[in-house]
Amino acid sequence: MNDPSTYWLNVTNIALGVVVLACCIAVVVGIVQEVAARRKKVHAMAKLDSEVNDLVASFQDGHTFHVPSLGVTMADGGEELGKKDEER
């Protein structure tokens, strides 16, 4: 420790160790936040799925929905085959 170059080398190593430790902590915090966000999303989607299942179960056919202002809407957004044949 009497040599000044050894002193500064030790100070630099300690400073780099602190920086590496701070980066590791930042990565761990990021991973924990990502896992928490994914769990929250899965929980919210499970709740949404049950609501959508209830909505679909209230109709006889899960592929079409009757909206009075729009008429019958189709799940795939396509046109009925009967109308397409009439146009030709």
N, C-alpha and C. Protein backbone atom coordinates (compact mmCIF):
# COMPACT_ATOMS: atom_id res chain seq x y z
N MET A 1 0.82 -1.20 0.00
CA MET A 1 0.00 0.00 0.00
C MET A 1 0.86 1.26 0.00
N ASN A 2 2.17 1.13 0.18
CA ASN A 2 3.04 2.30 0.20
C ASN A 2 3.24 2.88 -1.18
N ASP A 3 3.10 2.09 -2.20
CA ASP A 3 3.31 2.57 -3.56
C ASP A 3 2.06 3.33 -4.02
N PRO A 4 2.19 4.59 -4.50
CA PRO A 4 1.02 5.37 -4.93
C PRO A 4 0.26 4.73 -6.10
N SER A 5 0.95 4.05 -7.00
CA SER A 5 0.25 3.41 -8.12
C SER A 5 -0.62 2.26 -7.62
N THR A 6 -0.19 1.56 -6.59
CA THR A 6 -0.99 0.48 -6.01
C THR A 6 -2.24 1.06 -5.32
N TYR A 7 -2.08 2.20 -4.67
CA TYR A 7 -3.21 2.85 -4.00
C TYR A 7 -4.29 3.21 -5.01
N TRP A 8 -3.91 3.85 -6.11
CA TRP A 8 -4.89 4.25 -7.11
C TRP A 8 -5.48 3.05 -7.85
N LEU A 9 -4.69 2.01 -8.00
CA LEU A 9 -5.20 0.79 -8.61
C LEU A 9 -6.30 0.18 -7.73
N ASN A 10 -6.07 0.17 -6.42
CA ASN A 10 -7.08 -0.35 -5.50
C ASN A 10 -8.34 0.52 -5.48
N VAL A 11 -8.16 1.84 -5.50
CA VAL A 11 -9.31 2.75 -5.52
C VAL A 11 -10.12 2.54 -6.79
N THR A 12 -9.43 2.41 -7.92
CA THR A 12 -10.11 2.18 -9.20
C THR A 12 -10.86 0.84 -9.19
N ASN A 13 -10.26 -0.19 -8.66
CA ASN A 13 -10.91 -1.50 -8.59
C ASN A 13 -12.15 -1.45 -7.69
N ILE A 14 -12.06 -0.74 -6.58
CA ILE A 14 -13.22 -0.61 -5.70
C ILE A 14 -14.34 0.16 -6.40
N ALA A 15 -13.99 1.24 -7.10
CA ALA A 15 -14.99 2.02 -7.84
C ALA A 15 -15.65 1.17 -8.92
N LEU A 16 -14.87 0.40 -9.66
CA LEU A 16 -15.43 -0.47 -10.69
C LEU A 16 -16.31 -1.57 -10.07
N GLY A 17 -15.91 -2.06 -8.91
CA GLY A 17 -16.73 -3.06 -8.21
C GLY A 17 -18.08 -2.49 -7.81
N VAL A 18 -18.09 -1.23 -7.35
CA VAL A 18 -19.34 -0.58 -6.98
C VAL A 18 -20.23 -0.39 -8.22
N VAL A 19 -19.63 -0.01 -9.35
CA VAL A 19 -20.40 0.18 -10.58
C VAL A 19 -20.99 -1.15 -11.04
N VAL A 20 -20.20 -2.21 -11.00
CA VAL A 20 -20.70 -3.53 -11.41
C VAL A 20 -21.82 -3.98 -10.48
N LEU A 21 -21.68 -3.75 -9.19
CA LEU A 21 -22.73 -4.11 -8.23
C LEU A 21 -24.02 -3.33 -8.51
N ALA A 22 -23.89 -2.03 -8.82
CA ALA A 22 -25.07 -1.22 -9.14
C ALA A 22 -25.74 -1.72 -10.41
N CYS A 23 -24.96 -2.11 -11.41
CA CYS A 23 -25.54 -2.65 -12.65
C CYS A 23 -26.25 -3.97 -12.40
N CYS A 24 -25.67 -4.83 -11.59
CA CYS A 24 -26.32 -6.11 -11.26
C CYS A 24 -27.64 -5.88 -10.54
N ILE A 25 -27.65 -4.93 -9.63
CA ILE A 25 -28.90 -4.61 -8.91
C ILE A 25 -29.94 -4.07 -9.88
N ALA A 26 -29.52 -3.23 -10.84
CA ALA A 26 -30.46 -2.69 -11.82
C ALA A 26 -31.05 -3.80 -12.68
N VAL A 27 -30.24 -4.78 -13.06
CA VAL A 27 -30.73 -5.90 -13.87
C VAL A 27 -31.73 -6.74 -13.07
N VAL A 28 -31.43 -7.00 -11.81
CA VAL A 28 -32.33 -7.79 -10.97
C VAL A 28 -33.66 -7.06 -10.78
N VAL A 29 -33.62 -5.75 -10.56
CA VAL A 29 -34.85 -4.97 -10.41
C VAL A 29 -35.66 -5.02 -11.71
N GLY A 30 -34.99 -4.91 -12.85
CA GLY A 30 -35.69 -4.98 -14.14
C GLY A 30 -36.35 -6.33 -14.35
N ILE A 31 -35.67 -7.40 -13.98
CA ILE A 31 -36.24 -8.75 -14.13
C ILE A 31 -37.46 -8.91 -13.22
N VAL A 32 -37.36 -8.43 -11.99
CA VAL A 32 -38.49 -8.54 -11.06
C VAL A 32 -39.68 -7.75 -11.58
N GLN A 33 -39.44 -6.55 -12.11
CA GLN A 33 -40.54 -5.75 -12.65
C GLN A 33 -41.17 -6.44 -13.86
N GLU A 34 -40.36 -7.04 -14.72
CA GLU A 34 -40.89 -7.73 -15.90
C GLU A 34 -41.74 -8.93 -15.50
N VAL A 35 -41.28 -9.71 -14.55
CA VAL A 35 -42.05 -10.87 -14.08
C VAL A 35 -43.36 -10.41 -13.45
N ALA A 36 -43.30 -9.34 -12.66
CA ALA A 36 -44.53 -8.83 -12.04
C ALA A 36 -45.51 -8.33 -13.10
N ALA A 37 -45.01 -7.65 -14.12
CA ALA A 37 -45.88 -7.15 -15.19
C ALA A 37 -46.52 -8.30 -15.97
N ARG A 38 -45.74 -9.35 -16.23
CA ARG A 38 -46.31 -10.50 -16.95
C ARG A 38 -47.38 -11.20 -16.13
N ARG A 39 -47.13 -11.35 -14.83
CA ARG A 39 -48.15 -11.99 -13.98
C ARG A 39 -49.42 -11.14 -13.93
N LYS A 40 -49.25 -9.83 -13.85
CA LYS A 40 -50.40 -8.94 -13.81
C LYS A 40 -51.19 -9.03 -15.12
N LYS A 41 -50.47 -9.13 -16.24
CA LYS A 41 -51.13 -9.23 -17.54
C LYS A 41 -51.88 -10.56 -17.67
N VAL A 42 -51.26 -11.64 -17.23
CA VAL A 42 -51.92 -12.95 -17.28
C VAL A 42 -53.18 -12.95 -16.43
N HIS A 43 -53.10 -12.34 -15.26
CA HIS A 43 -54.27 -12.27 -14.37
C HIS A 43 -55.38 -11.44 -15.01
N ALA A 44 -55.01 -10.32 -15.64
CA ALA A 44 -56.02 -9.47 -16.29
C ALA A 44 -56.63 -10.17 -17.50
N MET A 45 -55.82 -10.90 -18.26
CA MET A 45 -56.34 -11.60 -19.43
C MET A 45 -57.25 -12.75 -19.01
N ALA A 46 -56.95 -13.40 -17.91
CA ALA A 46 -57.80 -14.49 -17.44
C ALA A 46 -59.17 -13.94 -17.07
N LYS A 47 -59.20 -12.78 -16.44
CA LYS A 47 -60.46 -12.16 -16.08
C LYS A 47 -61.22 -11.75 -17.34
N LEU A 48 -60.49 -11.21 -18.33
CA LEU A 48 -61.10 -10.81 -19.58
C LEU A 48 -61.65 -12.02 -20.32
N ASP A 49 -60.91 -13.12 -20.32
CA ASP A 49 -61.37 -14.32 -21.00
C ASP A 49 -62.69 -14.82 -20.41
N SER A 50 -62.85 -14.75 -19.11
CA SER A 50 -64.10 -15.21 -18.52
C SER A 50 -65.25 -14.28 -18.92
N GLU A 51 -64.99 -12.98 -19.02
CA GLU A 51 -66.03 -12.04 -19.46
C GLU A 51 -66.40 -12.29 -20.93
N VAL A 52 -65.40 -12.54 -21.77
CA VAL A 52 -65.67 -12.80 -23.19
C VAL A 52 -66.42 -14.12 -23.33
N ASN A 53 -66.05 -15.13 -22.56
CA ASN A 53 -66.77 -16.41 -22.61
C ASN A 53 -68.22 -16.24 -22.21
N ASP A 54 -68.48 -15.43 -21.20
CA ASP A 54 -69.86 -15.15 -20.80
C ASP A 54 -70.62 -14.44 -21.92
N LEU A 55 -69.97 -13.50 -22.60
CA LEU A 55 -70.61 -12.78 -23.69
C LEU A 55 -70.94 -13.72 -24.84
N VAL A 56 -69.99 -14.56 -25.21
CA VAL A 56 -70.22 -15.50 -26.32
C VAL A 56 -71.28 -16.51 -25.95
N ALA A 57 -71.31 -16.93 -24.70
CA ALA A 57 -72.32 -17.91 -24.28
C ALA A 57 -73.72 -17.32 -24.31
N SER A 58 -73.83 -15.99 -24.23
CA SER A 58 -75.15 -15.38 -24.25
C SER A 58 -75.77 -15.40 -25.65
N PHE A 59 -74.96 -15.62 -26.67
CA PHE A 59 -75.46 -15.74 -28.04
C PHE A 59 -75.52 -17.22 -28.41
N GLN A 60 -76.38 -17.54 -29.40
CA GLN A 60 -76.50 -18.93 -29.82
C GLN A 60 -75.27 -19.36 -30.62
N ASP A 61 -74.78 -18.47 -31.47
CA ASP A 61 -73.64 -18.78 -32.32
C ASP A 61 -72.48 -17.86 -31.91
N GLY A 62 -71.33 -18.41 -31.61
CA GLY A 62 -70.20 -17.62 -31.17
C GLY A 62 -69.50 -16.87 -32.27
N HIS A 63 -69.95 -17.04 -33.53
CA HIS A 63 -69.26 -16.40 -34.65
C HIS A 63 -69.96 -15.15 -35.17
N THR A 64 -71.22 -14.97 -34.83
CA THR A 64 -71.93 -13.77 -35.29
C THR A 64 -72.59 -13.09 -34.09
N PHE A 65 -72.66 -11.78 -34.17
CA PHE A 65 -73.29 -10.99 -33.12
C PHE A 65 -74.29 -10.05 -33.76
N HIS A 66 -75.47 -9.94 -33.16
CA HIS A 66 -76.49 -9.05 -33.69
C HIS A 66 -76.36 -7.70 -33.00
N VAL A 67 -76.02 -6.69 -33.80
CA VAL A 67 -75.96 -5.31 -33.31
C VAL A 67 -77.03 -4.56 -34.07
N PRO A 68 -78.07 -4.03 -33.39
CA PRO A 68 -79.20 -3.44 -34.10
C PRO A 68 -78.80 -2.34 -35.10
N SER A 69 -77.85 -1.51 -34.78
CA SER A 69 -77.49 -0.43 -35.70
C SER A 69 -76.64 -0.92 -36.87
N LEU A 70 -75.98 -2.07 -36.72
CA LEU A 70 -75.11 -2.60 -37.78
C LEU A 70 -75.70 -3.80 -38.48
N GLY A 71 -76.66 -4.45 -37.87
CA GLY A 71 -77.16 -5.70 -38.41
C GLY A 71 -76.33 -6.83 -37.82
N VAL A 72 -76.16 -7.89 -38.58
CA VAL A 72 -75.39 -9.02 -38.10
C VAL A 72 -73.94 -8.82 -38.53
N THR A 73 -73.03 -8.80 -37.59
CA THR A 73 -71.61 -8.67 -37.92
C THR A 73 -70.98 -10.05 -37.90
N MET A 74 -70.00 -10.24 -38.77
CA MET A 74 -69.33 -11.53 -38.85
C MET A 74 -67.97 -11.43 -38.19
N ALA A 75 -67.58 -12.48 -37.49
CA ALA A 75 -66.35 -12.48 -36.72
C ALA A 75 -65.12 -12.30 -37.61
N ASP A 76 -65.14 -12.87 -38.81
CA ASP A 76 -63.97 -12.76 -39.68
C ASP A 76 -64.01 -11.52 -40.56
N GLY A 77 -65.06 -10.74 -40.48
CA GLY A 77 -65.17 -9.51 -41.25
C GLY A 77 -65.48 -9.74 -42.72
N GLY A 78 -65.76 -10.96 -43.08
CA GLY A 78 -66.01 -11.29 -44.48
C GLY A 78 -67.44 -11.03 -44.88
N GLU A 79 -67.71 -11.32 -46.13
CA GLU A 79 -69.06 -11.16 -46.66
C GLU A 79 -69.73 -12.52 -46.74
N GLU A 80 -71.02 -12.52 -46.66
CA GLU A 80 -71.75 -13.78 -46.79
C GLU A 80 -71.62 -14.29 -48.21
N LEU A 81 -71.60 -15.60 -48.39
CA LEU A 81 -71.42 -16.18 -49.71
C LEU A 81 -72.60 -15.91 -50.62
N GLY A 82 -73.81 -15.85 -50.06
CA GLY A 82 -75.00 -15.61 -50.88
C GLY A 82 -74.95 -14.25 -51.55
N LYS A 83 -74.53 -13.22 -50.88
CA LYS A 83 -74.45 -11.89 -51.45
C LYS A 83 -73.38 -11.81 -52.52
N LYS A 84 -72.30 -12.53 -52.35
CA LYS A 84 -71.20 -12.49 -53.31
C LYS A 84 -71.62 -13.13 -54.62
N ASP A 85 -72.42 -14.22 -54.53
CA ASP A 85 -72.89 -14.88 -55.74
C ASP A 85 -73.90 -14.02 -56.50
N GLU A 86 -74.70 -13.23 -55.79
CA GLU A 86 -75.71 -12.38 -56.43
C GLU A 86 -75.07 -11.25 -57.22
N GLU A 87 -73.93 -10.75 -56.77
CA GLU A 87 -73.27 -9.63 -57.44
C GLU A 87 -72.72 -10.03 -58.80
N ARG A 88 -72.35 -11.26 -58.99
CA ARG A 88 -71.73 -11.72 -60.25
C ARG A 88 -72.72 -11.95 -61.31
